[in-house]
């Protein structure tokens, strides 16, 4: 869910409470590649997303459905 879809108590317990939240620093080494992957996965075109999933499905270790 998006944070805006959560109730305020859920936002506090999952994202804001320093006792329970987890913060991870993310560094992007190749911004152009990251942008392309983001647009493939989040864009409106279905076929590039399907192709990406089919190419990379063998590497999935955890799947949240």
Protein backbone atom coordinates (compact mmCIF):
# COMPACT_ATOMS: atom_id res chain seq x y z
CA UNK A 1 0.00 0.00 0.00
CA UNK A 2 0.92 3.63 -0.42
CA UNK A 3 1.43 5.60 2.75
CA UNK A 4 -1.62 7.70 1.86
CA UNK A 5 -3.77 4.55 1.88
CA UNK A 6 -2.79 3.63 5.44
CA UNK A 7 -4.44 4.79 8.63
CA UNK A 8 -2.35 7.17 10.72
CA UNK A 9 -1.64 4.51 13.35
CA UNK A 10 -0.35 2.19 10.60
CA UNK A 11 1.88 4.93 9.18
CA UNK A 12 3.31 5.55 12.64
CA UNK A 13 4.02 1.89 13.37
CA UNK A 14 5.48 1.03 9.96
CA UNK A 15 7.24 4.18 8.76
CA UNK A 16 7.58 6.82 11.44
CA UNK A 17 8.27 5.09 14.77
CA UNK A 18 12.06 5.05 15.27
CA UNK A 19 11.70 1.96 17.47
CA UNK A 20 10.19 -0.20 14.71
CA UNK A 21 11.15 1.33 11.36
CA UNK A 22 14.09 0.25 9.24
CA UNK A 23 16.01 2.85 7.25
CA UNK A 24 18.27 1.74 4.41
CA UNK A 25 20.57 4.02 2.48
CA UNK A 26 20.29 3.48 -1.26
CA UNK A 27 22.96 4.54 -3.74
CA UNK A 28 22.37 4.55 -7.48
CA UNK A 29 25.53 3.99 -9.47
CA UNK A 30 23.97 4.29 -12.93
CA UNK A 31 21.08 6.77 -12.95
CA UNK A 32 20.27 6.24 -16.64
CA UNK A 33 19.94 2.47 -16.18
CA UNK A 34 17.89 2.92 -13.00
CA UNK A 35 15.55 5.32 -14.81
CA UNK A 36 15.09 2.88 -17.69
CA UNK A 37 14.30 -0.02 -15.35
CA UNK A 38 11.91 2.13 -13.31
CA UNK A 39 10.08 3.24 -16.45
CA UNK A 40 9.91 -0.37 -17.68
CA UNK A 41 8.44 -1.65 -14.42
CA UNK A 42 6.15 1.28 -13.59
CA UNK A 43 5.18 2.55 -17.04
CA UNK A 44 1.99 1.95 -19.00
CA UNK A 45 3.55 -0.34 -21.64
CA UNK A 46 2.85 -3.95 -20.68
CA UNK A 47 5.13 -5.85 -23.07
CA UNK A 48 8.49 -4.47 -21.81
CA UNK A 49 7.41 -5.21 -18.22
CA UNK A 50 6.34 -8.75 -19.15
CA UNK A 51 9.65 -9.35 -20.95
CA UNK A 52 11.62 -8.05 -17.93
CA UNK A 53 9.70 -10.34 -15.57
CA UNK A 54 10.16 -13.37 -17.84
CA UNK A 55 13.91 -12.69 -18.18
CA UNK A 56 14.42 -12.26 -14.44
CA UNK A 57 11.87 -14.63 -12.87
CA UNK A 58 14.52 -17.30 -12.33
CA UNK A 59 16.35 -15.00 -9.89
CA UNK A 60 13.39 -14.40 -7.55
CA UNK A 61 13.99 -15.66 -4.01
CA UNK A 62 11.14 -13.93 -2.17
CA UNK A 63 7.78 -13.10 -3.70
CA UNK A 64 5.05 -11.10 -1.97
CA UNK A 65 1.72 -11.67 -3.67
